[in-house]
C-alpha atoms as a PDB file:
ATOM      1  CA  MET A   1      76.682  77.430  56.629  1.00  0.00           C
ATOM      2  CA  ARG A   2      80.449  77.361  56.458  1.00  0.00           C
ATOM      3  CA  HIS A   3      80.691  79.065  59.843  1.00  0.00           C
ATOM      4  CA  THR A   4      78.705  76.343  61.629  1.00  0.00           C
ATOM      5  CA  GLU A   5      80.910  73.622  60.115  1.00  0.00           C
ATOM      6  CA  GLY A   6      83.952  75.365  61.576  1.00  0.00           C
ATOM      7  CA  ASN A   7      82.317  75.537  64.994  1.00  0.00           C
ATOM      8  CA  ALA A   8      81.368  71.862  64.841  1.00  0.00           C
ATOM      9  CA  LEU A   9      84.926  70.910  63.889  1.00  0.00           C
ATOM     10  CA  LYS A  10      86.327  73.055  66.686  1.00  0.00           C
ATOM     11  CA  ALA A  11      83.951  71.498  69.232  1.00  0.00           C
ATOM     12  CA  TRP A  12      84.822  68.013  67.992  1.00  0.00           C
ATOM     13  CA  SER A  13      88.557  68.654  68.238  1.00  0.00           C
ATOM     14  CA  ILE A  14      88.200  70.054  71.776  1.00  0.00           C
ATOM     15  CA  ALA A  15      86.161  67.007  72.822  1.00  0.00           C
ATOM     16  CA  LEU A  16      88.767  64.682  71.315  1.00  0.00           C
ATOM     17  CA  GLY A  17      91.541  66.537  73.136  1.00  0.00           C
ATOM     18  CA  HIS A  18      89.691  66.319  76.448  1.00  0.00           C
ATOM     19  CA  ASN A  19      89.126  62.590  75.954  1.00  0.00           C
ATOM     20  CA  LEU A  20      92.791  61.855  75.221  1.00  0.00           C
ATOM     21  CA  SER A  21      94.647  64.342  77.420  1.00  0.00           C
ATOM     22  CA  PRO A  22      94.002  64.512  81.165  1.00  0.00           C
ATOM     23  CA  PHE A  23      96.224  67.503  81.840  1.00  0.00           C
ATOM     24  CA  TRP A  24      93.549  70.132  81.204  1.00  0.00           C
ATOM     25  CA  ARG A  25      92.022  69.055  84.548  1.00  0.00           C
ATOM     26  CA  PHE A  26      95.116  69.775  86.619  1.00  0.00           C
ATOM     27  CA  LYS A  27      96.171  73.033  88.287  1.00  0.00           C
ATOM     28  CA  ASP A  28      99.589  74.690  88.272  1.00  0.00           C
ATOM     29  CA  PRO A  29     101.180  74.237  91.729  1.00  0.00           C
ATOM     30  CA  ASN A  30     103.754  76.950  91.033  1.00  0.00           C
ATOM     31  CA  GLN A  31     101.303  79.866  91.010  1.00  0.00           C
ATOM     32  CA  GLY A  32     100.068  81.852  93.984  1.00  0.00           C
ATOM     33  CA  ASP A  33     100.976  81.934  97.641  1.00  0.00           C
ATOM     34  CA  MET A  34     101.772  78.958  99.852  1.00  0.00           C
ATOM     35  CA  PHE A  35      98.101  78.101 100.472  1.00  0.00           C
ATOM     36  CA  ALA A  36      97.186  78.275  96.787  1.00  0.00           C
ATOM     37  CA  ARG A  37     100.111  76.002  95.908  1.00  0.00           C
ATOM     38  CA  ALA A  38      99.116  73.513  98.616  1.00  0.00           C
ATOM     39  CA  ALA A  39      95.525  73.570  97.363  1.00  0.00           C
ATOM     40  CA  ALA A  40      96.698  72.971  93.789  1.00  0.00           C
ATOM     41  CA  ILE A  41      98.854  70.028  94.894  1.00  0.00           C
ATOM     42  CA  ALA A  42      95.961  68.524  96.841  1.00  0.00           C
ATOM     43  CA  HIS A  43      93.669  69.014  93.833  1.00  0.00           C
ATOM     44  CA  ASN A  44      96.187  67.332  91.529  1.00  0.00           C
ATOM     45  CA  GLN A  45      96.550  64.386  93.894  1.00  0.00           C
ATOM     46  CA  ARG A  46      92.749  63.950  93.941  1.00  0.00           C
ATOM     47  CA  MET A  47      92.576  64.226  90.152  1.00  0.00           C
ATOM     48  CA  SER A  48      95.255  61.550  89.748  1.00  0.00           C
ATOM     49  CA  GLU A  49      92.461  58.994  90.214  1.00  0.00           C
ATOM     50  CA  ILE A  50      91.402  59.588  86.599  1.00  0.00           C
ATOM     51  CA  LEU A  51      94.837  58.890  85.098  1.00  0.00           C
ATOM     52  CA  PRO A  52      94.356  55.086  84.798  1.00  0.00           C
ATOM     53  CA  LEU A  53      91.310  55.770  82.607  1.00  0.00           C
ATOM     54  CA  TYR A  54      93.473  57.804  80.240  1.00  0.00           C
ATOM     55  CA  LEU A  55      96.167  55.105  80.330  1.00  0.00           C
ATOM     56  CA  ARG A  56      93.563  52.561  79.184  1.00  0.00           C
ATOM     57  CA  ARG A  57      92.433  54.899  76.400  1.00  0.00           C
ATOM     58  CA  TRP A  58      95.992  55.309  75.128  1.00  0.00           C
ATOM     59  CA  LEU A  59      96.573  51.559  75.379  1.00  0.00           C
ATOM     60  CA  LEU A  60      93.536  51.100  73.135  1.00  0.00           C
ATOM     61  CA  VAL A  61      94.893  53.696  70.686  1.00  0.00           C
ATOM     62  CA  CYS A  62      98.265  51.896  70.625  1.00  0.00           C
ATOM     63  CA  ALA A  63      96.608  48.509  70.122  1.00  0.00           C
ATOM     64  CA  ILE A  64      94.507  49.776  67.208  1.00  0.00           C
ATOM     65  CA  ALA A  65      97.516  51.529  65.657  1.00  0.00           C
ATOM     66  CA  SER A  66      99.640  48.386  66.042  1.00  0.00           C
ATOM     67  CA  ALA A  67      96.958  46.236  64.419  1.00  0.00           C
ATOM     68  CA  SER A  68      96.656  48.753  61.587  1.00  0.00           C
ATOM     69  CA  LEU A  69     100.428  48.815  61.213  1.00  0.00           C
ATOM     70  CA  CYS A  70     100.620  45.028  60.922  1.00  0.00           C
ATOM     71  CA  ALA A  71      97.661  44.846  58.518  1.00  0.00           C
ATOM     72  CA  ASN A  72      98.928  47.608  56.241  1.00  0.00           C
ATOM     73  CA  ASP A  73     102.441  46.202  56.287  1.00  0.00           C
ATOM     74  CA  ALA A  74     101.119  42.795  55.240  1.00  0.00           C
ATOM     75  CA  MET A  75      99.119  44.343  52.378  1.00  0.00           C
ATOM     76  CA  SER A  76     102.066  46.315  51.043  1.00  0.00           C
ATOM     77  CA  PRO A  77     103.247  44.441  47.954  1.00  0.00           C
ATOM     78  CA  ALA A  78     107.037  44.813  48.052  1.00  0.00           C
ATOM     79  CA  VAL A  79     109.798  46.193  50.214  1.00  0.00           C
ATOM     80  CA  GLY A  80     111.129  49.506  48.964  1.00  0.00           C
ATOM     81  CA  ARG A  81     108.052  50.310  46.907  1.00  0.00           C
ATOM     82  CA  LEU A  82     105.998  53.261  48.106  1.00  0.00           C
ATOM     83  CA  ASP A  83     102.267  52.806  47.804  1.00  0.00           C
ATOM     84  CA  PHE A  84      99.121  53.587  49.772  1.00  0.00           C
ATOM     85  CA  TYR A  85      99.598  50.733  52.267  1.00  0.00           C
ATOM     86  CA  ALA A  86     103.187  51.726  52.995  1.00  0.00           C
ATOM     87  CA  PHE A  87     102.052  55.270  53.834  1.00  0.00           C
ATOM     88  CA  MET A  88      99.223  53.922  55.984  1.00  0.00           C
ATOM     89  CA  ALA A  89     101.676  51.662  57.820  1.00  0.00           C
ATOM     90  CA  ALA A  90     104.007  54.616  58.398  1.00  0.00           C
ATOM     91  CA  GLY A  91     101.143  56.742  59.709  1.00  0.00           C
ATOM     92  CA  SER A  92     100.019  53.946  62.019  1.00  0.00           C
ATOM     93  CA  GLY A  93     103.578  53.614  63.284  1.00  0.00           C
ATOM     94  CA  LEU A  94     103.693  57.322  64.078  1.00  0.00           C
ATOM     95  CA  VAL A  95     100.391  57.123  65.959  1.00  0.00           C
ATOM     96  CA  CYS A  96     101.686  54.116  67.895  1.00  0.00           C
ATOM     97  CA  ALA A  97     104.955  55.901  68.764  1.00  0.00           C
ATOM     98  CA  PHE A  98     103.049  58.994  69.917  1.00  0.00           C
ATOM     99  CA  GLY A  99     100.766  56.763  71.979  1.00  0.00           C
ATOM    100  CA  ILE A 100     103.735  55.147  73.695  1.00  0.00           C
ATOM    101  CA  CYS A 101     105.080  58.612  74.567  1.00  0.00           C
ATOM    102  CA  ALA A 102     101.670  59.581  75.971  1.00  0.00           C
ATOM    103  CA  LEU A 103     101.607  56.372  78.041  1.00  0.00           C
ATOM    104  CA  VAL A 104     105.029  57.169  79.502  1.00  0.00           C
ATOM    105  CA  VAL A 105     104.092  60.755  80.401  1.00  0.00           C
ATOM    106  CA  ILE A 106     100.720  59.862  81.921  1.00  0.00           C
ATOM    107  CA  GLY A 107     102.230  56.886  83.763  1.00  0.00           C
ATOM    108  CA  TYR A 108     104.971  59.085  85.188  1.00  0.00           C
ATOM    109  CA  ALA A 109     102.421  61.686  86.291  1.00  0.00           C
ATOM    110  CA  TRP A 110     100.363  58.983  88.005  1.00  0.00           C
ATOM    111  CA  CYS A 111     103.422  57.559  89.786  1.00  0.00           C
ATOM    112  CA  TYR A 112     104.546  61.022  90.852  1.00  0.00           C
ATOM    113  CA  LEU A 113     101.153  62.066  92.195  1.00  0.00           C
ATOM    114  CA  ARG A 114     100.227  58.745  93.803  1.00  0.00           C
ATOM    115  CA  LEU A 115     103.459  57.207  95.009  1.00  0.00           C
ATOM    116  CA  ALA A 116     105.721  60.147  95.856  1.00  0.00           C
ATOM    117  CA  LYS A 117     105.774  61.616  99.319  1.00  0.00           C
ATOM    118  CA  HIS A 118     104.877  65.317  99.154  1.00  0.00           C
END
Protein backbone atom coordinates (compact mmCIF):
# COMPACT_ATOMS: atom_id res chain seq x y z
CA MET A 1 0.00 0.00 0.00
CA ARG A 2 2.82 2.37 0.80
CA HIS A 3 4.36 1.79 -2.62
CA THR A 4 1.23 2.93 -4.49
CA GLU A 5 1.06 6.13 -2.42
CA GLY A 6 4.61 6.94 -3.49
CA ASN A 7 3.74 6.36 -7.14
CA ALA A 8 0.64 8.55 -6.85
CA LEU A 9 2.68 11.33 -5.25
CA LYS A 10 5.34 11.04 -7.94
CA ALA A 11 2.72 11.17 -10.71
CA TRP A 12 1.06 14.16 -9.07
CA SER A 13 4.34 16.05 -8.74
CA ILE A 14 5.24 15.35 -12.39
CA ALA A 15 1.81 16.58 -13.51
CA LEU A 16 2.19 19.72 -11.42
CA GLY A 17 5.64 20.34 -12.89
CA HIS A 18 4.35 19.91 -16.44
CA ASN A 19 1.49 22.32 -15.75
CA LEU A 20 3.76 25.05 -14.36
CA SER A 21 6.94 24.67 -16.41
CA PRO A 22 6.84 24.77 -20.22
CA PHE A 23 10.51 23.98 -20.75
CA TRP A 24 10.10 20.20 -20.78
CA ARG A 25 8.50 20.63 -24.23
CA PHE A 26 11.49 22.35 -25.81
CA LYS A 27 14.51 20.80 -27.53
CA ASP A 28 18.18 21.67 -27.08
CA PRO A 29 19.37 23.58 -30.18
CA ASN A 30 23.03 23.00 -29.28
CA GLN A 31 23.02 19.24 -29.90
CA GLY A 32 23.58 17.45 -33.19
CA ASP A 33 24.61 18.57 -36.64
CA MET A 34 23.48 21.70 -38.44
CA PHE A 35 20.17 20.17 -39.59
CA ALA A 36 19.30 18.85 -36.13
CA ARG A 37 20.01 22.27 -34.60
CA ALA A 38 17.87 24.00 -37.23
CA ALA A 39 15.06 21.51 -36.60
CA ALA A 40 15.30 22.10 -32.85
CA ILE A 41 15.15 25.87 -33.34
CA ALA A 42 12.12 25.54 -35.62
CA HIS A 43 10.45 23.24 -33.08
CA ASN A 44 11.12 25.71 -30.26
CA GLN A 45 9.69 28.58 -32.29
CA ARG A 46 6.51 26.55 -32.94
CA MET A 47 6.27 25.60 -29.26
CA SER A 48 6.57 29.24 -28.21
CA GLU A 49 2.83 29.53 -28.93
CA ILE A 50 2.12 27.81 -25.60
CA LEU A 51 4.18 30.24 -23.50
CA PRO A 52 1.35 32.79 -22.98
CA LEU A 53 -0.70 30.00 -21.38
CA TYR A 54 2.07 29.40 -18.86
CA LEU A 55 2.40 33.16 -18.29
CA ARG A 56 -1.30 33.29 -17.39
CA ARG A 57 -0.88 30.33 -15.03
CA TRP A 58 2.00 32.02 -13.22
CA LEU A 59 0.06 35.29 -13.07
CA LEU A 60 -2.73 33.37 -11.33
CA VAL A 61 -0.22 31.83 -8.91
CA CYS A 62 1.20 35.30 -8.15
CA ALA A 63 -2.27 36.77 -7.66
CA ILE A 64 -3.29 34.00 -5.24
CA ALA A 65 0.01 34.28 -3.36
CA SER A 66 -0.35 38.07 -3.13
CA ALA A 67 -3.90 37.77 -1.81
CA SER A 68 -2.74 35.18 0.72
CA LEU A 69 0.15 37.43 1.71
CA CYS A 70 -2.15 40.39 2.33
CA ALA A 71 -4.71 38.28 4.21
CA ASN A 72 -2.15 36.58 6.44
CA ASP A 73 -0.37 39.85 7.09
CA ALA A 74 -3.64 41.46 8.17
CA MET A 75 -4.40 38.55 10.53
CA SER A 76 -0.98 38.66 12.18
CA PRO A 77 -1.52 40.31 15.56
CA ALA A 78 1.62 42.41 16.06
CA VAL A 79 4.78 43.44 14.29
CA GLY A 80 7.82 41.53 15.47
CA ARG A 81 5.83 38.65 16.92
CA LEU A 82 6.24 35.32 15.16
CA ASP A 83 3.08 33.29 14.88
CA PHE A 84 1.33 31.06 12.36
CA TYR A 85 0.06 33.95 10.21
CA ALA A 86 3.49 35.55 10.01
CA PHE A 87 4.96 32.28 8.72
CA MET A 88 2.10 31.90 6.24
CA ALA A 89 2.67 35.46 5.03
CA ALA A 90 6.39 34.76 4.61
CA GLY A 91 5.66 31.57 2.68
CA SER A 92 3.19 33.39 0.44
CA GLY A 93 5.79 36.07 -0.18
CA LEU A 94 8.32 33.45 -1.24
CA VAL A 95 5.81 31.85 -3.62
CA CYS A 96 5.03 35.28 -5.07
CA ALA A 97 8.73 36.10 -5.52
CA PHE A 98 9.35 32.74 -7.22
CA GLY A 99 6.34 33.37 -9.45
CA ILE A 100 7.70 36.74 -10.51
CA CYS A 101 11.01 35.08 -11.42
CA ALA A 102 9.14 32.45 -13.45
CA LEU A 103 7.19 35.20 -15.24
CA VAL A 104 10.43 36.97 -16.17
CA VAL A 105 12.08 33.80 -17.49
CA ILE A 106 9.05 32.63 -19.47
CA GLY A 107 8.44 36.15 -20.80
CA TYR A 108 12.05 36.42 -21.92
CA ALA A 109 11.86 33.03 -23.63
CA TRP A 110 8.69 34.10 -25.44
CA CYS A 111 10.25 37.39 -26.57
CA TYR A 112 13.41 35.63 -27.71
CA LEU A 113 11.59 32.94 -29.68
CA ARG A 114 8.88 35.16 -31.15
CA LEU A 115 10.45 38.56 -31.67
CA ALA A 116 14.13 37.86 -32.36
CA LYS A 117 15.38 37.35 -35.87
CA HIS A 118 17.05 33.94 -36.16
